[in-house]
């Protein structure tokens, strides 16, 4: 049997869903950053552990892709329900943190080409 809501209960449910989507997106964003920088933090100089570093990077990259997909879906849900987004656009979820930071710096300074 399908449950029906009063208008106030429906609004509260939508608000709760939006908050949950927002928390999921925020967590995914933090985990994305952690995964991106983990190999560098764990192995600052590759040297003799090069093979292990490559395996770790591959594993972490797969985790990042999954985390970003979860974050993207939650972000879209949050935007659709309460109008709040944690990343400014789709590319921010798909690009690496380094690319996002470089794009942010460019946006702050504007296009200053001659």
PDB file of N, CA and C in Angstrom:
ATOM      1  N   UNK A   1       0.836  -1.185   0.000  1.00  0.00           N
ATOM      2  CA  UNK A   1       0.000   0.000   0.000  1.00  0.00           C
ATOM      3  C   UNK A   1       0.882   1.249   0.000  1.00  0.00           C
ATOM      4  N   UNK A   2       0.586   2.154  -0.889  1.00  0.00           N
ATOM      5  CA  UNK A   2       1.363   3.373  -1.012  1.00  0.00           C
ATOM      6  C   UNK A   2       0.931   4.378   0.053  1.00  0.00           C
ATOM      7  N   UNK A   3       1.916   4.986   0.692  1.00  0.00           N
ATOM      8  CA  UNK A   3       1.641   5.956   1.741  1.00  0.00           C
ATOM      9  C   UNK A   3       1.436   7.341   1.123  1.00  0.00           C
ATOM     10  N   UNK A   4       0.432   8.061   1.609  1.00  0.00           N
ATOM     11  CA  UNK A   4       0.201   9.424   1.143  1.00  0.00           C
ATOM     12  C   UNK A   4       0.569  10.396   2.254  1.00  0.00           C
ATOM     13  N   UNK A   5       0.990  11.562   1.859  1.00  0.00           N
ATOM     14  CA  UNK A   5       1.438  12.582   2.803  1.00  0.00           C
ATOM     15  C   UNK A   5       0.535  13.804   2.728  1.00  0.00           C
ATOM     16  N   UNK A   6       0.388  14.477   3.844  1.00  0.00           N
ATOM     17  CA  UNK A   6      -0.248  15.786   3.828  1.00  0.00           C
ATOM     18  C   UNK A   6       0.741  16.742   3.169  1.00  0.00           C
ATOM     19  N   UNK A   7       0.282  17.896   2.717  1.00  0.00           N
ATOM     20  CA  UNK A   7       1.225  18.834   2.099  1.00  0.00           C
ATOM     21  C   UNK A   7       2.387  19.205   3.030  1.00  0.00           C
ATOM     22  N   UNK A   8       2.121  19.400   4.319  1.00  0.00           N
ATOM     23  CA  UNK A   8       3.200  19.737   5.260  1.00  0.00           C
ATOM     24  C   UNK A   8       4.182  18.582   5.420  1.00  0.00           C
ATOM     25  N   UNK A   9       3.650  17.358   5.500  1.00  0.00           N
ATOM     26  CA  UNK A   9       4.517  16.183   5.634  1.00  0.00           C
ATOM     27  C   UNK A   9       5.336  15.973   4.367  1.00  0.00           C
ATOM     28  N   UNK A  10       4.725  16.215   3.210  1.00  0.00           N
ATOM     29  CA  UNK A  10       5.452  16.072   1.946  1.00  0.00           C
ATOM     30  C   UNK A  10       6.587  17.087   1.868  1.00  0.00           C
ATOM     31  N   UNK A  11       6.299  18.323   2.275  1.00  0.00           N
ATOM     32  CA  UNK A  11       7.343  19.359   2.271  1.00  0.00           C
ATOM     33  C   UNK A  11       8.471  18.979   3.217  1.00  0.00           C
ATOM     34  N   UNK A  12       8.134  18.446   4.384  1.00  0.00           N
ATOM     35  CA  UNK A  12       9.154  18.024   5.351  1.00  0.00           C
ATOM     36  C   UNK A  12       9.979  16.863   4.801  1.00  0.00           C
ATOM     37  N   UNK A  13       9.315  15.933   4.106  1.00  0.00           N
ATOM     38  CA  UNK A  13      10.021  14.792   3.520  1.00  0.00           C
ATOM     39  C   UNK A  13      10.985  15.251   2.427  1.00  0.00           C
ATOM     40  N   UNK A  14      10.555  16.204   1.626  1.00  0.00           N
ATOM     41  CA  UNK A  14      11.417  16.740   0.570  1.00  0.00           C
ATOM     42  C   UNK A  14      12.608  17.458   1.188  1.00  0.00           C
ATOM     43  N   UNK A  15      12.357  18.225   2.241  1.00  0.00           N
ATOM     44  CA  UNK A  15      13.450  18.919   2.911  1.00  0.00           C
ATOM     45  C   UNK A  15      14.450  17.922   3.492  1.00  0.00           C
ATOM     46  N   UNK A  16      13.955  16.855   4.126  1.00  0.00           N
ATOM     47  CA  UNK A  16      14.829  15.833   4.679  1.00  0.00           C
ATOM     48  C   UNK A  16      15.629  15.160   3.571  1.00  0.00           C
ATOM     49  N   UNK A  17      14.973  14.816   2.465  1.00  0.00           N
ATOM     50  CA  UNK A  17      15.679  14.189   1.349  1.00  0.00           C
ATOM     51  C   UNK A  17      16.778  15.105   0.830  1.00  0.00           C
ATOM     52  N   UNK A  18      16.464  16.381   0.722  1.00  0.00           N
ATOM     53  CA  UNK A  18      17.464  17.340   0.263  1.00  0.00           C
ATOM     54  C   UNK A  18      18.653  17.420   1.200  1.00  0.00           C
ATOM     55  N   UNK A  19      18.381  17.412   2.504  1.00  0.00           N
ATOM     56  CA  UNK A  19      19.468  17.449   3.481  1.00  0.00           C
ATOM     57  C   UNK A  19      20.331  16.185   3.391  1.00  0.00           C
ATOM     58  N   UNK A  20      19.687  15.043   3.247  1.00  0.00           N
ATOM     59  CA  UNK A  20      20.432  13.784   3.121  1.00  0.00           C
ATOM     60  C   UNK A  20      21.271  13.768   1.851  1.00  0.00           C
ATOM     61  N   UNK A  21      20.683  14.199   0.730  1.00  0.00           N
ATOM     62  CA  UNK A  21      21.454  14.284  -0.511  1.00  0.00           C
ATOM     63  C   UNK A  21      22.657  15.215  -0.326  1.00  0.00           C
ATOM     64  N   UNK A  22      22.434  16.320   0.346  1.00  0.00           N
ATOM     65  CA  UNK A  22      23.520  17.269   0.588  1.00  0.00           C
ATOM     66  C   UNK A  22      24.632  16.667   1.416  1.00  0.00           C
ATOM     67  N   UNK A  23      24.288  15.921   2.459  1.00  0.00           N
ATOM     68  CA  UNK A  23      25.304  15.289   3.295  1.00  0.00           C
ATOM     69  C   UNK A  23      26.074  14.233   2.513  1.00  0.00           C
ATOM     70  N   UNK A  24      25.373  13.467   1.679  1.00  0.00           N
ATOM     71  CA  UNK A  24      26.044  12.463   0.849  1.00  0.00           C
ATOM     72  C   UNK A  24      27.006  13.141  -0.120  1.00  0.00           C
ATOM     73  N   UNK A  25      26.559  14.199  -0.765  1.00  0.00           N
ATOM     74  CA  UNK A  25      27.412  14.921  -1.718  1.00  0.00           C
ATOM     75  C   UNK A  25      28.623  15.515  -1.021  1.00  0.00           C
ATOM     76  N   UNK A  26      28.437  16.077   0.159  1.00  0.00           N
ATOM     77  CA  UNK A  26      29.546  16.665   0.909  1.00  0.00           C
ATOM     78  C   UNK A  26      30.568  15.595   1.300  1.00  0.00           C
ATOM     79  N   UNK A  27      30.084  14.453   1.765  1.00  0.00           N
ATOM     80  CA  UNK A  27      30.974  13.351   2.129  1.00  0.00           C
ATOM     81  C   UNK A  27      31.735  12.844   0.903  1.00  0.00           C
ATOM     82  N   UNK A  28      31.041  12.688  -0.203  1.00  0.00           N
ATOM     83  CA  UNK A  28      31.704  12.232  -1.418  1.00  0.00           C
ATOM     84  C   UNK A  28      32.776  13.218  -1.857  1.00  0.00           C
ATOM     85  N   UNK A  29      32.502  14.497  -1.712  1.00  0.00           N
ATOM     86  CA  UNK A  29      33.479  15.523  -2.080  1.00  0.00           C
ATOM     87  C   UNK A  29      34.739  15.398  -1.219  1.00  0.00           C
ATOM     88  N   UNK A  30      34.571  15.215   0.095  1.00  0.00           N
ATOM     89  CA  UNK A  30      35.725  15.065   0.994  1.00  0.00           C
ATOM     90  C   UNK A  30      36.508  13.789   0.679  1.00  0.00           C
ATOM     91  N   UNK A  31      35.787  12.680   0.439  1.00  0.00           N
ATOM     92  CA  UNK A  31      36.460  11.421   0.133  1.00  0.00           C
ATOM     93  C   UNK A  31      37.182  11.487  -1.211  1.00  0.00           C
ATOM     94  N   UNK A  32      36.613  12.205  -2.163  1.00  0.00           N
ATOM     95  CA  UNK A  32      37.258  12.400  -3.454  1.00  0.00           C
ATOM     96  C   UNK A  32      38.620  13.054  -3.261  1.00  0.00           C
ATOM     97  N   UNK A  33      38.668  14.111  -2.474  1.00  0.00           N
ATOM     98  CA  UNK A  33      39.935  14.808  -2.218  1.00  0.00           C
ATOM     99  C   UNK A  33      40.922  13.890  -1.497  1.00  0.00           C
ATOM    100  N   UNK A  34      40.439  13.154  -0.521  1.00  0.00           N
ATOM    101  CA  UNK A  34      41.304  12.258   0.236  1.00  0.00           C
ATOM    102  C   UNK A  34      41.893  11.174  -0.672  1.00  0.00           C
ATOM    103  N   UNK A  35      41.081  10.596  -1.531  1.00  0.00           N
ATOM    104  CA  UNK A  35      41.564   9.569  -2.455  1.00  0.00           C
ATOM    105  C   UNK A  35      42.570  10.139  -3.444  1.00  0.00           C
ATOM    106  N   UNK A  36      42.326  11.349  -3.902  1.00  0.00           N
ATOM    107  CA  UNK A  36      43.219  11.946  -4.897  1.00  0.00           C
ATOM    108  C   UNK A  36      44.614  12.154  -4.312  1.00  0.00           C
ATOM    109  N   UNK A  37      44.683  12.605  -3.059  1.00  0.00           N
ATOM    110  CA  UNK A  37      45.974  12.922  -2.454  1.00  0.00           C
ATOM    111  C   UNK A  37      46.588  11.770  -1.664  1.00  0.00           C
ATOM    112  N   UNK A  38      45.871  10.672  -1.434  1.00  0.00           N
ATOM    113  CA  UNK A  38      46.368   9.561  -0.609  1.00  0.00           C
ATOM    114  C   UNK A  38      47.689   8.973  -1.114  1.00  0.00           C
ATOM    115  N   UNK A  39      47.839   8.667  -2.396  1.00  0.00           N
ATOM    116  CA  UNK A  39      49.111   8.069  -2.820  1.00  0.00           C
ATOM    117  C   UNK A  39      50.308   8.962  -2.532  1.00  0.00           C
ATOM    118  N   UNK A  40      50.145  10.271  -2.676  1.00  0.00           N
ATOM    119  CA  UNK A  40      51.249  11.193  -2.430  1.00  0.00           C
ATOM    120  C   UNK A  40      51.571  11.275  -0.937  1.00  0.00           C
ATOM    121  N   UNK A  41      50.542  11.205  -0.107  1.00  0.00           N
ATOM    122  CA  UNK A  41      50.742  11.269   1.337  1.00  0.00           C
ATOM    123  C   UNK A  41      51.376   9.981   1.855  1.00  0.00           C
ATOM    124  N   UNK A  42      50.951   8.832   1.314  1.00  0.00           N
ATOM    125  CA  UNK A  42      51.464   7.548   1.793  1.00  0.00           C
ATOM    126  C   UNK A  42      52.867   7.244   1.272  1.00  0.00           C
ATOM    127  N   UNK A  43      53.142   7.655   0.029  1.00  0.00           N
ATOM    128  CA  UNK A  43      54.441   7.377  -0.582  1.00  0.00           C
ATOM    129  C   UNK A  43      55.012   8.652  -1.193  1.00  0.00           C
ATOM    130  N   UNK A  44      55.565   9.551  -0.380  1.00  0.00           N
ATOM    131  CA  UNK A  44      56.065  10.820  -0.925  1.00  0.00           C
ATOM    132  C   UNK A  44      57.174  10.645  -1.961  1.00  0.00           C
ATOM    133  N   UNK A  45      58.004   9.597  -1.804  1.00  0.00           N
ATOM    134  CA  UNK A  45      59.018   9.326  -2.830  1.00  0.00           C
ATOM    135  C   UNK A  45      58.845   7.878  -3.273  1.00  0.00           C
ATOM    136  N   UNK A  46      58.557   7.703  -4.545  1.00  0.00           N
ATOM    137  CA  UNK A  46      58.226   6.371  -5.054  1.00  0.00           C
ATOM    138  C   UNK A  46      59.394   5.398  -4.917  1.00  0.00           C
ATOM    139  N   UNK A  47      60.580   5.772  -5.354  1.00  0.00           N
ATOM    140  CA  UNK A  47      61.774   4.952  -5.215  1.00  0.00           C
ATOM    141  C   UNK A  47      61.546   3.465  -5.414  1.00  0.00           C
ATOM    142  N   UNK A  48      61.854   2.691  -4.370  1.00  0.00           N
ATOM    143  CA  UNK A  48      61.806   1.234  -4.481  1.00  0.00           C
ATOM    144  C   UNK A  48      60.413   0.645  -4.366  1.00  0.00           C
ATOM    145  N   UNK A  49      59.411   1.417  -4.022  1.00  0.00           N
ATOM    146  CA  UNK A  49      58.056   0.883  -3.893  1.00  0.00           C
ATOM    147  C   UNK A  49      57.184   1.284  -5.094  1.00  0.00           C
ATOM    148  N   UNK A  50      57.825   1.524  -6.229  1.00  0.00           N
ATOM    149  CA  UNK A  50      57.121   2.005  -7.420  1.00  0.00           C
ATOM    150  C   UNK A  50      55.942   1.111  -7.812  1.00  0.00           C
ATOM    151  N   UNK A  51      56.134  -0.215  -7.829  1.00  0.00           N
ATOM    152  CA  UNK A  51      55.043  -1.114  -8.206  1.00  0.00           C
ATOM    153  C   UNK A  51      53.883  -1.010  -7.234  1.00  0.00           C
ATOM    154  N   UNK A  52      54.181  -0.940  -5.939  1.00  0.00           N
ATOM    155  CA  UNK A  52      53.123  -0.811  -4.941  1.00  0.00           C
ATOM    156  C   UNK A  52      52.380   0.506  -5.106  1.00  0.00           C
ATOM    157  N   UNK A  53      53.111   1.555  -5.424  1.00  0.00           N
ATOM    158  CA  UNK A  53      52.489   2.868  -5.608  1.00  0.00           C
ATOM    159  C   UNK A  53      51.540   2.832  -6.804  1.00  0.00           C
ATOM    160  N   UNK A  54      51.954   2.203  -7.883  1.00  0.00           N
ATOM    161  CA  UNK A  54      51.100   2.129  -9.072  1.00  0.00           C
ATOM    162  C   UNK A  54      49.830   1.343  -8.778  1.00  0.00           C
ATOM    163  N   UNK A  55      49.946   0.244  -8.032  1.00  0.00           N
ATOM    164  CA  UNK A  55      48.763  -0.534  -7.660  1.00  0.00           C
ATOM    165  C   UNK A  55      47.851   0.280  -6.751  1.00  0.00           C
ATOM    166  N   UNK A  56      48.440   0.998  -5.798  1.00  0.00           N
ATOM    167  CA  UNK A  56      47.650   1.829  -4.893  1.00  0.00           C
ATOM    168  C   UNK A  56      46.942   2.936  -5.660  1.00  0.00           C
ATOM    169  N   UNK A  57      47.659   3.578  -6.581  1.00  0.00           N
ATOM    170  CA  UNK A  57      47.049   4.651  -7.362  1.00  0.00           C
ATOM    171  C   UNK A  57      45.872   4.135  -8.180  1.00  0.00           C
ATOM    172  N   UNK A  58      46.014   2.960  -8.773  1.00  0.00           N
ATOM    173  CA  UNK A  58      44.926   2.372  -9.549  1.00  0.00           C
ATOM    174  C   UNK A  58      43.712   2.096  -8.651  1.00  0.00           C
ATOM    175  N   UNK A  59      43.960   1.525  -7.491  1.00  0.00           N
ATOM    176  CA  UNK A  59      42.889   1.232  -6.541  1.00  0.00           C
ATOM    177  C   UNK A  59      42.199   2.521  -6.080  1.00  0.00           C
ATOM    178  N   UNK A  60      42.982   3.502  -5.727  1.00  0.00           N
ATOM    179  CA  UNK A  60      42.427   4.771  -5.251  1.00  0.00           C
ATOM    180  C   UNK A  60      41.668   5.476  -6.367  1.00  0.00           C
ATOM    181  N   UNK A  61      42.158   5.401  -7.600  1.00  0.00           N
ATOM    182  CA  UNK A  61      41.448   6.015  -8.722  1.00  0.00           C
ATOM    183  C   UNK A  61      40.077   5.373  -8.918  1.00  0.00           C
ATOM    184  N   UNK A  62      40.002   4.062  -8.770  1.00  0.00           N
ATOM    185  CA  UNK A  62      38.704   3.385  -8.880  1.00  0.00           C
ATOM    186  C   UNK A  62      37.762   3.829  -7.771  1.00  0.00           C
ATOM    187  N   UNK A  63      38.299   3.967  -6.559  1.00  0.00           N
ATOM    188  CA  UNK A  63      37.479   4.459  -5.446  1.00  0.00           C
ATOM    189  C   UNK A  63      36.990   5.874  -5.723  1.00  0.00           C
ATOM    190  N   UNK A  64      37.883   6.719  -6.232  1.00  0.00           N
ATOM    191  CA  UNK A  64      37.505   8.107  -6.561  1.00  0.00           C
ATOM    192  C   UNK A  64      36.376   8.146  -7.568  1.00  0.00           C
ATOM    193  N   UNK A  65      36.462   7.322  -8.593  1.00  0.00           N
ATOM    194  CA  UNK A  65      35.418   7.306  -9.623  1.00  0.00           C
ATOM    195  C   UNK A  65      34.068   6.936  -9.023  1.00  0.00           C
ATOM    196  N   UNK A  66      34.060   5.925  -8.144  1.00  0.00           N
ATOM    197  CA  UNK A  66      32.807   5.512  -7.504  1.00  0.00           C
ATOM    198  C   UNK A  66      32.292   6.595  -6.572  1.00  0.00           C
ATOM    199  N   UNK A  67      33.176   7.176  -5.801  1.00  0.00           N
ATOM    200  CA  UNK A  67      32.787   8.236  -4.863  1.00  0.00           C
ATOM    201  C   UNK A  67      32.222   9.434  -5.622  1.00  0.00           C
ATOM    202  N   UNK A  68      32.862   9.805  -6.715  1.00  0.00           N
ATOM    203  CA  UNK A  68      32.387  10.949  -7.494  1.00  0.00           C
ATOM    204  C   UNK A  68      31.034  10.663  -8.139  1.00  0.00           C
ATOM    205  N   UNK A  69      30.818   9.426  -8.571  1.00  0.00           N
ATOM    206  CA  UNK A  69      29.513   9.075  -9.138  1.00  0.00           C
ATOM    207  C   UNK A  69      28.428   9.192  -8.064  1.00  0.00           C
ATOM    208  N   UNK A  70      28.715   8.726  -6.856  1.00  0.00           N
ATOM    209  CA  UNK A  70      27.761   8.845  -5.751  1.00  0.00           C
ATOM    210  C   UNK A  70      27.510  10.321  -5.445  1.00  0.00           C
ATOM    211  N   UNK A  71      28.583  11.083  -5.380  1.00  0.00           N
ATOM    212  CA  UNK A  71      28.451  12.513  -5.108  1.00  0.00           C
ATOM    213  C   UNK A  71      27.652  13.238  -6.165  1.00  0.00           C
ATOM    214  N   UNK A  72      27.893  12.901  -7.423  1.00  0.00           N
ATOM    215  CA  UNK A  72      27.160  13.529  -8.520  1.00  0.00           C
ATOM    216  C   UNK A  72      25.670  13.247  -8.397  1.00  0.00           C
ATOM    217  N   UNK A  73      25.318  11.994  -8.136  1.00  0.00           N
ATOM    218  CA  UNK A  73      23.897  11.644  -8.005  1.00  0.00           C
ATOM    219  C   UNK A  73      23.266  12.356  -6.804  1.00  0.00           C
ATOM    220  N   UNK A  74      23.971  12.376  -5.684  1.00  0.00           N
ATOM    221  CA  UNK A  74      23.443  13.049  -4.496  1.00  0.00           C
ATOM    222  C   UNK A  74      23.324  14.553  -4.734  1.00  0.00           C
ATOM    223  N   UNK A  75      24.303  15.127  -5.417  1.00  0.00           N
ATOM    224  CA  UNK A  75      24.277  16.553  -5.710  1.00  0.00           C
ATOM    225  C   UNK A  75      23.082  16.904  -6.587  1.00  0.00           C
ATOM    226  N   UNK A  76      22.810  16.076  -7.574  1.00  0.00           N
ATOM    227  CA  UNK A  76      21.652  16.320  -8.441  1.00  0.00           C
ATOM    228  C   UNK A  76      20.357  16.192  -7.647  1.00  0.00           C
ATOM    229  N   UNK A  77      20.304  15.216  -6.727  1.00  0.00           N
ATOM    230  CA  UNK A  77      19.125  15.063  -5.881  1.00  0.00           C
ATOM    231  C   UNK A  77      18.942  16.257  -4.963  1.00  0.00           C
ATOM    232  N   UNK A  78      20.033  16.744  -4.397  1.00  0.00           N
ATOM    233  CA  UNK A  78      19.981  17.914  -3.522  1.00  0.00           C
ATOM    234  C   UNK A  78      19.526  19.146  -4.289  1.00  0.00           C
ATOM    235  N   UNK A  79      20.071  19.320  -5.485  1.00  0.00           N
ATOM    236  CA  UNK A  79      19.684  20.474  -6.310  1.00  0.00           C
ATOM    237  C   UNK A  79      18.215  20.396  -6.694  1.00  0.00           C
ATOM    238  N   UNK A  80      17.737  19.187  -7.000  1.00  0.00           N
ATOM    239  CA  UNK A  80      16.341  19.016  -7.428  1.00  0.00           C
ATOM    240  C   UNK A  80      15.355  19.191  -6.281  1.00  0.00           C
ATOM    241  N   UNK A  81      15.761  18.846  -5.065  1.00  0.00           N
ATOM    242  CA  UNK A  81      14.820  18.902  -3.945  1.00  0.00           C
ATOM    243  C   UNK A  81      14.879  20.202  -3.163  1.00  0.00           C
ATOM    244  N   UNK A  82      16.065  20.685  -2.863  1.00  0.00           N
ATOM    245  CA  UNK A  82      16.165  21.900  -2.048  1.00  0.00           C
ATOM    246  C   UNK A  82      16.947  23.020  -2.724  1.00  0.00           C
ATOM    247  N   UNK A  83      17.382  22.797  -3.964  1.00  0.00           N
ATOM    248  CA  UNK A  83      18.056  23.854  -4.712  1.00  0.00           C
ATOM    249  C   UNK A  83      19.476  24.132  -4.283  1.00  0.00           C
ATOM    250  N   UNK A  84      20.100  23.221  -3.549  1.00  0.00           N
ATOM    251  CA  UNK A  84      21.466  23.436  -3.081  1.00  0.00           C
ATOM    252  C   UNK A  84      22.407  22.460  -3.771  1.00  0.00           C
ATOM    253  N   UNK A  85      23.537  22.970  -4.248  1.00  0.00           N
ATOM    254  CA  UNK A  85      24.525  22.141  -4.935  1.00  0.00           C
ATOM    255  C   UNK A  85      25.861  22.260  -4.219  1.00  0.00           C
ATOM    256  N   UNK A  86      26.626  21.172  -4.194  1.00  0.00           N
ATOM    257  CA  UNK A  86      27.929  21.173  -3.528  1.00  0.00           C
ATOM    258  C   UNK A  86      29.080  21.373  -4.500  1.00  0.00           C
ATOM    259  N   UNK A  87      28.851  21.091  -5.748  1.00  0.00           N
ATOM    260  CA  UNK A  87      29.817  21.378  -6.801  1.00  0.00           C
ATOM    261  C   UNK A  87      29.097  22.286  -7.787  1.00  0.00           C
ATOM    262  N   UNK A  88      29.831  23.208  -8.383  1.00  0.00           N
ATOM    263  CA  UNK A  88      29.171  24.188  -9.236  1.00  0.00           C
ATOM    264  C   UNK A  88      28.655  23.600 -10.551  1.00  0.00           C
ATOM    265  N   UNK A  89      29.278  22.534 -11.032  1.00  0.00           N
ATOM    266  CA  UNK A  89      28.793  21.925 -12.274  1.00  0.00           C
ATOM    267  C   UNK A  89      29.261  20.477 -12.384  1.00  0.00           C
ATOM    268  N   UNK A  90      28.782  19.800 -13.401  1.00  0.00           N
ATOM    269  CA  UNK A  90      29.091  18.396 -13.621  1.00  0.00           C
ATOM    270  C   UNK A  90      30.588  18.163 -13.751  1.00  0.00           C
ATOM    271  N   UNK A  91      31.281  19.041 -14.444  1.00  0.00           N
ATOM    272  CA  UNK A  91      32.722  18.875 -14.659  1.00  0.00           C
ATOM    273  C   UNK A  91      33.487  18.835 -13.345  1.00  0.00           C
ATOM    274  N   UNK A  92      32.992  19.557 -12.326  1.00  0.00           N
ATOM    275  CA  UNK A  92      33.684  19.552 -11.034  1.00  0.00           C
ATOM    276  C   UNK A  92      33.672  18.168 -10.396  1.00  0.00           C
ATOM    277  N   UNK A  93      32.635  17.383 -10.646  1.00  0.00           N
ATOM    278  CA  UNK A  93      32.593  16.014 -10.110  1.00  0.00           C
ATOM    279  C   UNK A  93      33.489  15.095 -10.918  1.00  0.00           C
ATOM    280  N   UNK A  94      33.659  15.357 -12.200  1.00  0.00           N
ATOM    281  CA  UNK A  94      34.379  14.442 -13.070  1.00  0.00           C
ATOM    282  C   UNK A  94      35.859  14.771 -13.198  1.00  0.00           C
ATOM    283  N   UNK A  95      36.238  16.011 -13.002  1.00  0.00           N
ATOM    284  CA  UNK A  95      37.637  16.414 -13.131  1.00  0.00           C
ATOM    285  C   UNK A  95      38.393  16.125 -11.837  1.00  0.00           C
ATOM    286  N   UNK A  96      39.702  16.053 -11.943  1.00  0.00           N
ATOM    287  CA  UNK A  96      40.524  15.833 -10.751  1.00  0.00           C
ATOM    288  C   UNK A  96      40.515  17.106  -9.894  1.00  0.00           C
ATOM    289  N   UNK A  97      40.803  16.970  -8.598  1.00  0.00           N
ATOM    290  CA  UNK A  97      40.885  18.160  -7.753  1.00  0.00           C
ATOM    291  C   UNK A  97      41.905  19.178  -8.271  1.00  0.00           C
ATOM    292  N   UNK A  98      43.013  18.708  -8.830  1.00  0.00           N
ATOM    293  CA  UNK A  98      44.017  19.635  -9.360  1.00  0.00           C
ATOM    294  C   UNK A  98      43.449  20.453 -10.512  1.00  0.00           C
ATOM    295  N   UNK A  99      42.675  19.820 -11.385  1.00  0.00           N
ATOM    296  CA  UNK A  99      42.051  20.531 -12.498  1.00  0.00           C
ATOM    297  C   UNK A  99      41.028  21.538 -11.991  1.00  0.00           C
ATOM    298  N   UNK A 100      40.236  21.135 -10.996  1.00  0.00           N
ATOM    299  CA  UNK A 100      39.238  22.042 -10.417  1.00  0.00           C
ATOM    300  C   UNK A 100      39.915  23.255  -9.770  1.00  0.00           C
ATOM    301  N   UNK A 101      41.027  23.018  -9.071  1.00  0.00           N
ATOM    302  CA  UNK A 101      41.750  24.126  -8.438  1.00  0.00           C
ATOM    303  C   UNK A 101      42.326  25.078  -9.482  1.00  0.00           C
ATOM    304  N   UNK A 102      42.882  24.530 -10.563  1.00  0.00           N
ATOM    305  CA  UNK A 102      43.433  25.368 -11.631  1.00  0.00           C
ATOM    306  C   UNK A 102      42.327  26.189 -12.298  1.00  0.00           C
ATOM    307  N   UNK A 103      41.174  25.561 -12.551  1.00  0.00           N
ATOM    308  CA  UNK A 103      40.046  26.282 -13.149  1.00  0.00           C
ATOM    309  C   UNK A 103      39.536  27.371 -12.218  1.00  0.00           C
ATOM    310  N   UNK A 104      39.539  27.088 -10.924  1.00  0.00           N
ATOM    311  CA  UNK A 104      39.098  28.082  -9.939  1.00  0.00           C
ATOM    312  C   UNK A 104      40.034  29.292  -9.927  1.00  0.00           C
ATOM    313  N   UNK A 105      41.344  29.033  -9.992  1.00  0.00           N
ATOM    314  CA  UNK A 105      42.313  30.132 -10.028  1.00  0.00           C
ATOM    315  C   UNK A 105      42.109  30.989 -11.272  1.00  0.00           C
ATOM    316  N   UNK A 106      41.885  30.330 -12.412  1.00  0.00           N
ATOM    317  CA  UNK A 106      41.656  31.067 -13.650  1.00  0.00           C
ATOM    318  C   UNK A 106      40.392  31.909 -13.545  1.00  0.00           C
ATOM    319  N   UNK A 107      39.328  31.334 -12.966  1.00  0.00           N
ATOM    320  CA  UNK A 107      38.069  32.066 -12.825  1.00  0.00           C
ATOM    321  C   UNK A 107      38.237  33.289 -11.918  1.00  0.00           C
ATOM    322  N   UNK A 108      39.051  33.157 -10.872  1.00  0.00           N
ATOM    323  CA  UNK A 108      39.268  34.297  -9.955  1.00  0.00           C
ATOM    324  C   UNK A 108      39.996  35.434 -10.642  1.00  0.00           C
ATOM    325  N   UNK A 109      40.934  35.089 -11.534  1.00  0.00           N
ATOM    326  CA  UNK A 109      41.735  36.113 -12.209  1.00  0.00           C
ATOM    327  C   UNK A 109      41.161  36.533 -13.546  1.00  0.00           C
ATOM    328  N   UNK A 110      40.141  35.821 -13.988  1.00  0.00           N
ATOM    329  CA  UNK A 110      39.548  36.140 -15.284  1.00  0.00           C
ATOM    330  C   UNK A 110      40.452  35.731 -16.415  1.00  0.00           C
ATOM    331  N   UNK A 111      39.975  35.891 -17.607  1.00  0.00           N
ATOM    332  CA  UNK A 111      40.777  35.572 -18.791  1.00  0.00           C
ATOM    333  C   UNK A 111      41.627  36.785 -19.109  1.00  0.00           C
ATOM    334  N   UNK A 112      42.914  36.727 -18.763  1.00  0.00           N
ATOM    335  CA  UNK A 112      43.809  37.869 -18.926  1.00  0.00           C
ATOM    336  C   UNK A 112      44.766  37.693 -20.102  1.00  0.00           C
ATOM    337  N   UNK A 113      44.304  36.975 -21.126  1.00  0.00           N
ATOM    338  CA  UNK A 113      45.166  36.793 -22.296  1.00  0.00           C
ATOM    339  C   UNK A 113      45.237  38.088 -23.094  1.00  0.00           C
ATOM    340  N   UNK A 114      46.350  38.237 -23.782  1.00  0.00           N
ATOM    341  CA  UNK A 114      46.504  39.427 -24.653  1.00  0.00           C
ATOM    342  C   UNK A 114      45.806  39.251 -25.950  1.00  0.00           C
TER     343      UNK A 114
END
